[in-house]
Amino acid sequence: MKAVMTREFGGPEALTLMEVSNPVPGPGEVCIEVKACTVNPTDTMRRAGAPAWHPLPAEGPFAIGMEAAGIVRKIGAGVELDVGDSVMAVVFPSGRQGHRPNALSCRPNKSR
């Protein structure tokens, strides 16, 4: 699938359309079909390289965006959600977790 990512810190010109693999949930994770997502000031600061906003260094390429809503499409072992559940996610940015235009893999911190 295609995703808007960045390989380096900078302004909007640092964003690049890239081909990425579909996310696969690991144990305790879910894969969400994203229906809506946000890019807020915190995300633009990460793109610009402001380390105070994110304690983990960005290792490119990386996606910006930490908030998404959608439908659970895949679940990993030990998850107490069901495929088809509607969810909202706030994702701490890292290389493993992060959202793309239409999919997200993340670890739920609370189930029903």
PDB file of N, CA and C in Angstrom:
ATOM      1  N   MET A   1       0.840  -1.164   0.000  1.00  0.00           N
ATOM      2  CA  MET A   1       0.000   0.000   0.000  1.00  0.00           C
ATOM      3  C   MET A   1       0.887   1.229   0.000  1.00  0.00           C
ATOM      4  N   LYS A   2       0.315   2.369  -0.287  1.00  0.00           N
ATOM      5  CA  LYS A   2       1.059   3.624  -0.321  1.00  0.00           C
ATOM      6  C   LYS A   2       0.852   4.383   0.988  1.00  0.00           C
ATOM      7  N   ALA A   3       1.906   5.093   1.406  1.00  0.00           N
ATOM      8  CA  ALA A   3       1.842   5.884   2.636  1.00  0.00           C
ATOM      9  C   ALA A   3       2.682   7.137   2.455  1.00  0.00           C
ATOM     10  N   VAL A   4       2.269   8.203   3.097  1.00  0.00           N
ATOM     11  CA  VAL A   4       3.074   9.419   3.118  1.00  0.00           C
ATOM     12  C   VAL A   4       4.008   9.300   4.315  1.00  0.00           C
ATOM     13  N   MET A   5       5.300   9.287   4.038  1.00  0.00           N
ATOM     14  CA  MET A   5       6.333   9.082   5.057  1.00  0.00           C
ATOM     15  C   MET A   5       7.388  10.177   4.897  1.00  0.00           C
ATOM     16  N   THR A   6       8.315  10.224   5.835  1.00  0.00           N
ATOM     17  CA  THR A   6       9.457  11.109   5.707  1.00  0.00           C
ATOM     18  C   THR A   6      10.731  10.341   6.031  1.00  0.00           C
ATOM     19  N   ARG A   7      11.792  10.601   5.303  1.00  0.00           N
ATOM     20  CA  ARG A   7      13.090   9.967   5.526  1.00  0.00           C
ATOM     21  C   ARG A   7      14.008  10.850   6.369  1.00  0.00           C
ATOM     22  N   GLU A   8      13.665  12.124   6.462  1.00  0.00           N
ATOM     23  CA  GLU A   8      14.525  13.076   7.159  1.00  0.00           C
ATOM     24  C   GLU A   8      13.647  14.162   7.766  1.00  0.00           C
ATOM     25  N   PHE A   9      14.203  14.865   8.732  1.00  0.00           N
ATOM     26  CA  PHE A   9      13.474  15.968   9.342  1.00  0.00           C
ATOM     27  C   PHE A   9      13.407  17.142   8.380  1.00  0.00           C
ATOM     28  N   GLY A  10      12.325  17.911   8.480  1.00  0.00           N
ATOM     29  CA  GLY A  10      12.180  19.088   7.636  1.00  0.00           C
ATOM     30  C   GLY A  10      10.740  19.553   7.593  1.00  0.00           C
ATOM     31  N   GLY A  11      10.458  20.420   6.645  1.00  0.00           N
ATOM     32  CA  GLY A  11       9.119  20.952   6.443  1.00  0.00           C
ATOM     33  C   GLY A  11       8.284  19.988   5.622  1.00  0.00           C
ATOM     34  N   PRO A  12       7.149  20.449   5.133  1.00  0.00           N
ATOM     35  CA  PRO A  12       6.278  19.583   4.332  1.00  0.00           C
ATOM     36  C   PRO A  12       6.988  18.973   3.127  1.00  0.00           C
ATOM     37  N   GLU A  13       8.007  19.649   2.616  1.00  0.00           N
ATOM     38  CA  GLU A  13       8.736  19.120   1.449  1.00  0.00           C
ATOM     39  C   GLU A  13       9.469  17.822   1.775  1.00  0.00           C
ATOM     40  N   ALA A  14       9.638  17.489   3.064  1.00  0.00           N
ATOM     41  CA  ALA A  14      10.309  16.242   3.454  1.00  0.00           C
ATOM     42  C   ALA A  14       9.392  15.029   3.315  1.00  0.00           C
ATOM     43  N   LEU A  15       8.095  15.255   3.155  1.00  0.00           N
ATOM     44  CA  LEU A  15       7.142  14.148   3.033  1.00  0.00           C
ATOM     45  C   LEU A  15       7.233  13.518   1.650  1.00  0.00           C
ATOM     46  N   THR A  16       7.158  12.188   1.615  1.00  0.00           N
ATOM     47  CA  THR A  16       7.300  11.432   0.374  1.00  0.00           C
ATOM     48  C   THR A  16       6.242  10.335   0.313  1.00  0.00           C
ATOM     49  N   LEU A  17       5.663  10.114  -0.849  1.00  0.00           N
ATOM     50  CA  LEU A  17       4.748   8.997  -1.053  1.00  0.00           C
ATOM     51  C   LEU A  17       5.596   7.745  -1.260  1.00  0.00           C
ATOM     52  N   MET A  18       5.393   6.740  -0.401  1.00  0.00           N
ATOM     53  CA  MET A  18       6.207   5.525  -0.446  1.00  0.00           C
ATOM     54  C   MET A  18       5.320   4.289  -0.484  1.00  0.00           C
ATOM     55  N   GLU A  19       5.854   3.209  -1.004  1.00  0.00           N
ATOM     56  CA  GLU A  19       5.204   1.910  -0.970  1.00  0.00           C
ATOM     57  C   GLU A  19       5.641   1.223   0.331  1.00  0.00           C
ATOM     58  N   VAL A  20       4.681   0.767   1.134  1.00  0.00           N
ATOM     59  CA  VAL A  20       4.987   0.098   2.398  1.00  0.00           C
ATOM     60  C   VAL A  20       4.193  -1.196   2.487  1.00  0.00           C
ATOM     61  N   SER A  21       4.665  -2.104   3.334  1.00  0.00           N
ATOM     62  CA  SER A  21       3.956  -3.372   3.501  1.00  0.00           C
ATOM     63  C   SER A  21       2.735  -3.178   4.384  1.00  0.00           C
ATOM     64  N   ASN A  22       1.757  -4.055   4.221  1.00  0.00           N
ATOM     65  CA  ASN A  22       0.585  -4.028   5.085  1.00  0.00           C
ATOM     66  C   ASN A  22       0.998  -4.442   6.489  1.00  0.00           C
ATOM     67  N   PRO A  23       0.494  -3.765   7.517  1.00  0.00           N
ATOM     68  CA  PRO A  23       0.882  -4.127   8.880  1.00  0.00           C
ATOM     69  C   PRO A  23       0.310  -5.478   9.284  1.00  0.00           C
ATOM     70  N   VAL A  24       1.058  -6.192  10.108  1.00  0.00           N
ATOM     71  CA  VAL A  24       0.644  -7.484  10.638  1.00  0.00           C
ATOM     72  C   VAL A  24       0.722  -7.375  12.154  1.00  0.00           C
ATOM     73  N   PRO A  25      -0.373  -7.633  12.873  1.00  0.00           N
ATOM     74  CA  PRO A  25      -0.321  -7.494  14.322  1.00  0.00           C
ATOM     75  C   PRO A  25       0.470  -8.614  14.980  1.00  0.00           C
ATOM     76  N   GLY A  26       1.283  -8.234  15.950  1.00  0.00           N
ATOM     77  CA  GLY A  26       1.998  -9.211  16.760  1.00  0.00           C
ATOM     78  C   GLY A  26       1.161  -9.568  17.979  1.00  0.00           C
ATOM     79  N   PRO A  27       1.699 -10.355  18.895  1.00  0.00           N
ATOM     80  CA  PRO A  27       0.962 -10.703  20.119  1.00  0.00           C
ATOM     81  C   PRO A  27       0.548  -9.440  20.871  1.00  0.00           C
ATOM     82  N   GLY A  28      -0.715  -9.387  21.276  1.00  0.00           N
ATOM     83  CA  GLY A  28      -1.222  -8.249  22.026  1.00  0.00           C
ATOM     84  C   GLY A  28      -1.512  -7.025  21.186  1.00  0.00           C
ATOM     85  N   GLU A  29      -1.454  -7.134  19.858  1.00  0.00           N
ATOM     86  CA  GLU A  29      -1.680  -6.006  18.964  1.00  0.00           C
ATOM     87  C   GLU A  29      -2.898  -6.240  18.082  1.00  0.00           C
ATOM     88  N   VAL A  30      -3.402  -5.154  17.513  1.00  0.00           N
ATOM     89  CA  VAL A  30      -4.492  -5.224  16.542  1.00  0.00           C
ATOM     90  C   VAL A  30      -4.076  -4.485  15.287  1.00  0.00           C
ATOM     91  N   CYS A  31      -4.685  -4.829  14.178  1.00  0.00           N
ATOM     92  CA  CYS A  31      -4.526  -4.088  12.930  1.00  0.00           C
ATOM     93  C   CYS A  31      -5.869  -3.440  12.638  1.00  0.00           C
ATOM     94  N   ILE A  32      -5.833  -2.127  12.441  1.00  0.00           N
ATOM     95  CA  ILE A  32      -7.046  -1.338  12.249  1.00  0.00           C
ATOM     96  C   ILE A  32      -7.102  -0.828  10.819  1.00  0.00           C
ATOM     97  N   GLU A  33      -8.259  -0.971  10.190  1.00  0.00           N
ATOM     98  CA  GLU A  33      -8.513  -0.286   8.927  1.00  0.00           C
ATOM     99  C   GLU A  33      -8.893   1.145   9.297  1.00  0.00           C
ATOM    100  N   VAL A  34      -8.020   2.078   8.981  1.00  0.00           N
ATOM    101  CA  VAL A  34      -8.207   3.461   9.403  1.00  0.00           C
ATOM    102  C   VAL A  34      -9.272   4.133   8.547  1.00  0.00           C
ATOM    103  N   LYS A  35     -10.260   4.711   9.212  1.00  0.00           N
ATOM    104  CA  LYS A  35     -11.321   5.463   8.547  1.00  0.00           C
ATOM    105  C   LYS A  35     -11.101   6.967   8.677  1.00  0.00           C
ATOM    106  N   ALA A  36     -10.399   7.388   9.736  1.00  0.00           N
ATOM    107  CA  ALA A  36     -10.096   8.803   9.955  1.00  0.00           C
ATOM    108  C   ALA A  36      -8.815   8.898  10.770  1.00  0.00           C
ATOM    109  N   CYS A  37      -7.994   9.889  10.471  1.00  0.00           N
ATOM    110  CA  CYS A  37      -6.775  10.103  11.233  1.00  0.00           C
ATOM    111  C   CYS A  37      -6.475  11.596  11.282  1.00  0.00           C
ATOM    112  N   THR A  38      -5.572  11.968  12.159  1.00  0.00           N
ATOM    113  CA  THR A  38      -5.237  13.375  12.324  1.00  0.00           C
ATOM    114  C   THR A  38      -3.749  13.607  12.136  1.00  0.00           C
ATOM    115  N   VAL A  39      -3.414  14.813  11.815  1.00  0.00           N
ATOM    116  CA  VAL A  39      -2.050  15.322  11.892  1.00  0.00           C
ATOM    117  C   VAL A  39      -2.182  16.620  12.660  1.00  0.00           C
ATOM    118  N   ASN A  40      -1.549  16.678  13.830  1.00  0.00           N
ATOM    119  CA  ASN A  40      -1.687  17.847  14.681  1.00  0.00           C
ATOM    120  C   ASN A  40      -0.329  18.500  14.925  1.00  0.00           C
ATOM    121  N   PRO A  41      -0.257  19.576  15.688  1.00  0.00           N
ATOM    122  CA  PRO A  41       1.021  20.265  15.897  1.00  0.00           C
ATOM    123  C   PRO A  41       2.132  19.367  16.439  1.00  0.00           C
ATOM    124  N   THR A  42       1.797  18.418  17.289  1.00  0.00           N
ATOM    125  CA  THR A  42       2.819  17.498  17.791  1.00  0.00           C
ATOM    126  C   THR A  42       3.450  16.716  16.641  1.00  0.00           C
ATOM    127  N   ASP A  43       2.626  16.289  15.688  1.00  0.00           N
ATOM    128  CA  ASP A  43       3.132  15.533  14.543  1.00  0.00           C
ATOM    129  C   ASP A  43       4.040  16.384  13.663  1.00  0.00           C
ATOM    130  N   THR A  44       3.660  17.634  13.448  1.00  0.00           N
ATOM    131  CA  THR A  44       4.508  18.484  12.608  1.00  0.00           C
ATOM    132  C   THR A  44       5.815  18.805  13.315  1.00  0.00           C
ATOM    133  N   MET A  45       5.795  18.867  14.644  1.00  0.00           N
ATOM    134  CA  MET A  45       7.048  19.073  15.379  1.00  0.00           C
ATOM    135  C   MET A  45       7.943  17.850  15.254  1.00  0.00           C
ATOM    136  N   ARG A  46       7.354  16.658  15.283  1.00  0.00           N
ATOM    137  CA  ARG A  46       8.154  15.433  15.082  1.00  0.00           C
ATOM    138  C   ARG A  46       8.781  15.443  13.689  1.00  0.00           C
ATOM    139  N   ARG A  47       7.981  15.800  12.693  1.00  0.00           N
ATOM    140  CA  ARG A  47       8.501  15.864  11.326  1.00  0.00           C
ATOM    141  C   ARG A  47       9.666  16.838  11.235  1.00  0.00           C
ATOM    142  N   ALA A  48       9.580  17.934  11.988  1.00  0.00           N
ATOM    143  CA  ALA A  48      10.633  18.954  11.967  1.00  0.00           C
ATOM    144  C   ALA A  48      11.846  18.554  12.805  1.00  0.00           C
ATOM    145  N   GLY A  49      11.707  17.493  13.643  1.00  0.00           N
ATOM    146  CA  GLY A  49      12.840  17.009  14.420  1.00  0.00           C
ATOM    147  C   GLY A  49      12.925  17.529  15.836  1.00  0.00           C
ATOM    148  N   ALA A  50      11.833  18.014  16.396  1.00  0.00           N
ATOM    149  CA  ALA A  50      11.844  18.533  17.768  1.00  0.00           C
ATOM    150  C   ALA A  50      11.906  17.366  18.758  1.00  0.00           C
ATOM    151  N   PRO A  51      13.067  17.078  19.363  1.00  0.00           N
ATOM    152  CA  PRO A  51      13.204  15.895  20.220  1.00  0.00           C
ATOM    153  C   PRO A  51      12.423  15.968  21.517  1.00  0.00           C
ATOM    154  N   ALA A  52      12.119  17.168  22.005  1.00  0.00           N
ATOM    155  CA  ALA A  52      11.394  17.278  23.273  1.00  0.00           C
ATOM    156  C   ALA A  52       9.998  16.676  23.186  1.00  0.00           C
ATOM    157  N   TRP A  53       9.433  16.595  21.996  1.00  0.00           N
ATOM    158  CA  TRP A  53       8.075  16.079  21.845  1.00  0.00           C
ATOM    159  C   TRP A  53       8.023  14.569  21.772  1.00  0.00           C
ATOM    160  N   HIS A  54       9.114  13.940  21.392  1.00  0.00           N
ATOM    161  CA  HIS A  54       9.129  12.489  21.257  1.00  0.00           C
ATOM    162  C   HIS A  54      10.450  11.961  21.779  1.00  0.00           C
ATOM    163  N   PRO A  55      10.432  11.218  22.895  1.00  0.00           N
ATOM    164  CA  PRO A  55      11.674  10.743  23.486  1.00  0.00           C
ATOM    165  C   PRO A  55      12.428   9.730  22.629  1.00  0.00           C
ATOM    166  N   LEU A  56      11.745   9.063  21.709  1.00  0.00           N
ATOM    167  CA  LEU A  56      12.433   8.111  20.848  1.00  0.00           C
ATOM    168  C   LEU A  56      12.917   8.806  19.586  1.00  0.00           C
ATOM    169  N   PRO A  57      14.174   8.601  19.212  1.00  0.00           N
ATOM    170  CA  PRO A  57      14.631   9.205  17.962  1.00  0.00           C
ATOM    171  C   PRO A  57      13.941   8.563  16.770  1.00  0.00           C
ATOM    172  N   ALA A  58      13.632   9.354  15.796  1.00  0.00           N
ATOM    173  CA  ALA A  58      13.007   8.831  14.578  1.00  0.00           C
ATOM    174  C   ALA A  58      14.075   8.164  13.735  1.00  0.00           C
ATOM    175  N   GLU A  59      13.809   6.951  13.330  1.00  0.00           N
ATOM    176  CA  GLU A  59      14.699   6.246  12.430  1.00  0.00           C
ATOM    177  C   GLU A  59      13.950   6.084  11.123  1.00  0.00           C
ATOM    178  N   GLY A  60      14.409   6.779  10.109  1.00  0.00           N
ATOM    179  CA  GLY A  60      13.668   6.836   8.862  1.00  0.00           C
ATOM    180  C   GLY A  60      13.607   5.522   8.131  1.00  0.00           C
ATOM    181  N   PRO A  61      12.671   5.452   7.219  1.00  0.00           N
ATOM    182  CA  PRO A  61      11.576   6.408   7.072  1.00  0.00           C
ATOM    183  C   PRO A  61      10.533   6.196   8.165  1.00  0.00           C
ATOM    184  N   PHE A  62       9.824   7.248   8.512  1.00  0.00           N
ATOM    185  CA  PHE A  62       8.794   7.125   9.527  1.00  0.00           C
ATOM    186  C   PHE A  62       7.564   7.915   9.114  1.00  0.00           C
ATOM    187  N   ALA A  63       6.433   7.508   9.682  1.00  0.00           N
ATOM    188  CA  ALA A  63       5.169   8.184   9.420  1.00  0.00           C
ATOM    189  C   ALA A  63       4.879   9.128  10.572  1.00  0.00           C
ATOM    190  N   ILE A  64       4.216  10.231  10.274  1.00  0.00           N
ATOM    191  CA  ILE A  64       3.741  11.090  11.349  1.00  0.00           C
ATOM    192  C   ILE A  64       2.265  10.794  11.558  1.00  0.00           C
ATOM    193  N   GLY A  65       1.756  11.220  12.681  1.00  0.00           N
ATOM    194  CA  GLY A  65       0.349  10.975  13.000  1.00  0.00           C
ATOM    195  C   GLY A  65       0.241   9.984  14.137  1.00  0.00           C
ATOM    196  N   MET A  66      -0.538  10.339  15.158  1.00  0.00           N
ATOM    197  CA  MET A  66      -0.658   9.481  16.334  1.00  0.00           C
ATOM    198  C   MET A  66      -2.099   9.120  16.667  1.00  0.00           C
ATOM    199  N   GLU A  67      -3.065   9.695  15.997  1.00  0.00           N
ATOM    200  CA  GLU A  67      -4.461   9.460  16.350  1.00  0.00           C
ATOM    201  C   GLU A  67      -5.216   8.929  15.132  1.00  0.00           C
ATOM    202  N   ALA A  68      -6.000   7.889  15.382  1.00  0.00           N
ATOM    203  CA  ALA A  68      -6.763   7.298  14.286  1.00  0.00           C
ATOM    204  C   ALA A  68      -8.010   6.626  14.829  1.00  0.00           C
ATOM    205  N   ALA A  69      -9.000   6.471  13.971  1.00  0.00           N
ATOM    206  CA  ALA A  69     -10.217   5.736  14.303  1.00  0.00           C
ATOM    207  C   ALA A  69     -10.529   4.809  13.143  1.00  0.00           C
ATOM    208  N   GLY A  70     -11.062   3.648  13.459  1.00  0.00           N
ATOM    209  CA  GLY A  70     -11.389   2.718  12.388  1.00  0.00           C
ATOM    210  C   GLY A  70     -11.971   1.424  12.904  1.00  0.00           C
ATOM    211  N   ILE A  71     -11.773   0.372  12.112  1.00  0.00           N
ATOM    212  CA  ILE A  71     -12.362  -0.942  12.361  1.00  0.00           C
ATOM    213  C   ILE A  71     -11.240  -1.960  12.540  1.00  0.00           C
ATOM    214  N   VAL A  72     -11.329  -2.782  13.580  1.00  0.00           N
ATOM    215  CA  VAL A  72     -10.354  -3.855  13.791  1.00  0.00           C
ATOM    216  C   VAL A  72     -10.511  -4.872  12.666  1.00  0.00           C
ATOM    217  N   ARG A  73      -9.423  -5.144  11.945  1.00  0.00           N
ATOM    218  CA  ARG A  73      -9.447  -6.115  10.841  1.00  0.00           C
ATOM    219  C   ARG A  73      -8.664  -7.376  11.153  1.00  0.00           C
ATOM    220  N   LYS A  74      -7.639  -7.289  12.020  1.00  0.00           N
ATOM    221  CA  LYS A  74      -6.849  -8.459  12.412  1.00  0.00           C
ATOM    222  C   LYS A  74      -6.496  -8.297  13.880  1.00  0.00           C
ATOM    223  N   ILE A  75      -6.395  -9.417  14.583  1.00  0.00           N
ATOM    224  CA  ILE A  75      -5.993  -9.372  15.986  1.00  0.00           C
ATOM    225  C   ILE A  75      -4.845 -10.339  16.226  1.00  0.00           C
ATOM    226  N   GLY A  76      -3.949  -9.949  17.115  1.00  0.00           N
ATOM    227  CA  GLY A  76      -2.862 -10.822  17.530  1.00  0.00           C
ATOM    228  C   GLY A  76      -3.287 -11.656  18.730  1.00  0.00           C
ATOM    229  N   ALA A  77      -2.452 -12.594  19.095  1.00  0.00           N
ATOM    230  CA  ALA A  77      -2.732 -13.461  20.239  1.00  0.00           C
ATOM    231  C   ALA A  77      -2.911 -12.633  21.505  1.00  0.00           C
ATOM    232  N   GLY A  78      -3.891 -13.021  22.318  1.00  0.00           N
ATOM    233  CA  GLY A  78      -4.087 -12.383  23.604  1.00  0.00           C
ATOM    234  C   GLY A  78      -4.887 -11.102  23.590  1.00  0.00           C
ATOM    235  N   VAL A  79      -5.471 -10.734  22.469  1.00  0.00           N
ATOM    236  CA  VAL A  79      -6.260  -9.498  22.372  1.00  0.00           C
ATOM    237  C   VAL A  79      -7.725  -9.821  22.640  1.00  0.00           C
ATOM    238  N   GLU A  80      -8.368  -9.008  23.483  1.00  0.00           N
ATOM    239  CA  GLU A  80      -9.765  -9.235  23.842  1.00  0.00           C
ATOM    240  C   GLU A  80     -10.712  -8.331  23.059  1.00  0.00           C
ATOM    241  N   LEU A  81     -10.355  -7.991  21.859  1.00  0.00           N
ATOM    242  CA  LEU A  81     -11.232  -7.276  20.941  1.00  0.00           C
ATOM    243  C   LEU A  81     -11.614  -8.234  19.838  1.00  0.00           C
ATOM    244  N   ASP A  82     -12.636  -7.888  19.078  1.00  0.00           N
ATOM    245  CA  ASP A  82     -13.076  -8.743  17.982  1.00  0.00           C
ATOM    246  C   ASP A  82     -12.872  -8.050  16.647  1.00  0.00           C
ATOM    247  N   VAL A  83     -12.629  -8.845  15.609  1.00  0.00           N
ATOM    248  CA  VAL A  83     -12.600  -8.303  14.258  1.00  0.00           C
ATOM    249  C   VAL A  83     -13.958  -7.654  14.010  1.00  0.00           C
ATOM    250  N   GLY A  84     -13.947  -6.439  13.478  1.00  0.00           N
ATOM    251  CA  GLY A  84     -15.179  -5.706  13.222  1.00  0.00           C
ATOM    252  C   GLY A  84     -15.493  -4.654  14.277  1.00  0.00           C
ATOM    253  N   ASP A  85     -14.795  -4.698  15.431  1.00  0.00           N
ATOM    254  CA  ASP A  85     -15.021  -3.682  16.458  1.00  0.00           C
ATOM    255  C   ASP A  85     -14.583  -2.311  15.957  1.00  0.00           C
ATOM    256  N   SER A  86     -15.342  -1.281  16.303  1.00  0.00           N
ATOM    257  CA  SER A  86     -14.952   0.103  16.025  1.00  0.00           C
ATOM    258  C   SER A  86     -14.049   0.569  17.157  1.00  0.00           C
ATOM    259  N   VAL A  87     -12.933   1.206  16.802  1.00  0.00           N
ATOM    260  CA  VAL A  87     -11.964   1.627  17.812  1.00  0.00           C
ATOM    261  C   VAL A  87     -11.398   2.996  17.482  1.00  0.00           C
ATOM    262  N   MET A  88     -10.822   3.611  18.496  1.00  0.00           N
ATOM    263  CA  MET A  88     -10.056   4.849  18.360  1.00  0.00           C
ATOM    264  C   MET A  88      -8.683   4.553  18.935  1.00  0.00           C
ATOM    265  N   ALA A  89      -7.638   5.038  18.313  1.00  0.00           N
ATOM    266  CA  ALA A  89      -6.277   4.760  18.778  1.00  0.00           C
ATOM    267  C   ALA A  89      -5.471   6.038  18.902  1.00  0.00           C
ATOM    268  N   VAL A  90      -4.710   6.118  19.989  1.00  0.00           N
ATOM    269  CA  VAL A  90      -3.666   7.125  20.134  1.00  0.00           C
ATOM    270  C   VAL A  90      -2.383   6.316  20.207  1.00  0.00           C
ATOM    271  N   VAL A  91      -1.530   6.478  19.218  1.00  0.00           N
ATOM    272  CA  VAL A  91      -0.360   5.625  19.049  1.00  0.00           C
ATOM    273  C   VAL A  91       0.906   6.398  19.372  1.00  0.00           C
ATOM    274  N   PHE A  92       1.703   5.877  20.298  1.00  0.00           N
ATOM    275  CA  PHE A  92       3.010   6.469  20.579  1.00  0.00           C
ATOM    276  C   PHE A  92       3.900   6.169  19.388  1.00  0.00           C
ATOM    277  N   PRO A  93       4.465   7.187  18.758  1.00  0.00           N
ATOM    278  CA  PRO A  93       5.228   6.946  17.530  1.00  0.00           C
ATOM    279  C   PRO A  93       6.517   6.179  17.768  1.00  0.00           C
ATOM    280  N   SER A  94       6.730   5.176  16.967  1.00  0.00           N
ATOM    281  CA  SER A  94       7.966   4.400  16.973  1.00  0.00           C
ATOM    282  C   SER A  94       8.073   3.709  15.636  1.00  0.00           C
ATOM    283  N   GLY A  95       9.123   2.965  15.450  1.00  0.00           N
ATOM    284  CA  GLY A  95       9.273   2.242  14.198  1.00  0.00           C
ATOM    285  C   GLY A  95       8.238   1.152  14.037  1.00  0.00           C
ATOM    286  N   ARG A  96       7.826   0.505  15.132  1.00  0.00           N
ATOM    287  CA  ARG A  96       6.876  -0.610  15.048  1.00  0.00           C
ATOM    288  C   ARG A  96       5.440  -0.110  14.957  1.00  0.00           C
ATOM    289  N   GLN A  97       5.103   0.872  15.781  1.00  0.00           N
ATOM    290  CA  GLN A  97       3.739   1.366  15.801  1.00  0.00           C
ATOM    291  C   GLN A  97       3.677   2.707  15.101  1.00  0.00           C
ATOM    292  N   GLY A  98       2.682   2.876  14.319  1.00  0.00           N
ATOM    293  CA  GLY A  98       2.511   4.119  13.593  1.00  0.00           C
ATOM    294  C   GLY A  98       1.460   3.900  12.531  1.00  0.00           C
ATOM    295  N   HIS A  99       0.764   4.931  12.148  1.00  0.00           N
ATOM    296  CA  HIS A  99      -0.296   4.662  11.186  1.00  0.00           C
ATOM    297  C   HIS A  99       0.079   5.110   9.788  1.00  0.00           C
ATOM    298  N   ARG A 100      -0.597   4.514   8.869  1.00  0.00           N
ATOM    299  CA  ARG A 100      -0.449   4.783   7.450  1.00  0.00           C
ATOM    300  C   ARG A 100      -1.802   5.286   6.976  1.00  0.00           C
ATOM    301  N   PRO A 101      -1.931   5.668   5.739  1.00  0.00           N
ATOM    302  CA  PRO A 101      -3.199   6.237   5.316  1.00  0.00           C
ATOM    303  C   PRO A 101      -4.412   5.353   5.561  1.00  0.00           C
ATOM    304  N   ASN A 102      -4.270   4.033   5.470  1.00  0.00           N
ATOM    305  CA  ASN A 102      -5.476   3.219   5.632  1.00  0.00           C
ATOM    306  C   ASN A 102      -5.284   2.001   6.512  1.00  0.00           C
ATOM    307  N   ALA A 103      -4.192   1.922   7.275  1.00  0.00           N
ATOM    308  CA  ALA A 103      -4.009   0.783   8.171  1.00  0.00           C
ATOM    309  C   ALA A 103      -3.118   1.177   9.331  1.00  0.00           C
ATOM    310  N   LEU A 104      -3.293   0.502  10.450  1.00  0.00           N
ATOM    311  CA  LEU A 104      -2.574   0.809  11.671  1.00  0.00           C
ATOM    312  C   LEU A 104      -2.392  -0.461  12.461  1.00  0.00           C
ATOM    313  N   SER A 105      -1.214  -0.685  12.976  1.00  0.00           N
ATOM    314  CA  SER A 105      -0.984  -1.797  13.878  1.00  0.00           C
ATOM    315  C   SER A 105      -0.585  -1.201  15.218  1.00  0.00           C
ATOM    316  N   CYS A 106      -1.287  -1.570  16.279  1.00  0.00           N
ATOM    317  CA  CYS A 106      -0.991  -1.000  17.590  1.00  0.00           C
ATOM    318  C   CYS A 106      -1.381  -1.960  18.697  1.00  0.00           C
ATOM    319  N   ARG A 107      -0.923  -1.660  19.896  1.00  0.00           N
ATOM    320  CA  ARG A 107      -1.199  -2.465  21.073  1.00  0.00           C
ATOM    321  C   ARG A 107      -2.307  -1.800  21.882  1.00  0.00           C
ATOM    322  N   PRO A 108      -3.472  -2.450  22.016  1.00  0.00           N
ATOM    323  CA  PRO A 108      -4.541  -1.834  22.808  1.00  0.00           C
ATOM    324  C   PRO A 108      -4.160  -1.834  24.282  1.00  0.00           C
ATOM    325  N   ASN A 109      -4.503  -0.765  24.998  1.00  0.00           N
ATOM    326  CA  ASN A 109      -4.199  -0.732  26.424  1.00  0.00           C
ATOM    327  C   ASN A 109      -5.436  -1.023  27.269  1.00  0.00           C
ATOM    328  N   LYS A 110      -6.569  -1.144  26.637  1.00  0.00           N
ATOM    329  CA  LYS A 110      -7.783  -1.476  27.374  1.00  0.00           C
ATOM    330  C   LYS A 110      -8.765  -2.114  26.415  1.00  0.00           C
ATOM    331  N   SER A 111      -9.343  -3.189  26.856  1.00  0.00           N
ATOM    332  CA  SER A 111     -10.391  -3.813  26.060  1.00  0.00           C
ATOM    333  C   SER A 111     -11.694  -3.706  26.825  1.00  0.00           C
ATOM    334  N   ARG A 112     -12.761  -4.095  26.178  1.00  0.00           N
ATOM    335  CA  ARG A 112     -14.104  -3.962  26.751  1.00  0.00           C
ATOM    336  C   ARG A 112     -14.155  -4.023  28.223  1.00  0.00           C
TER     337      ARG A 112
END
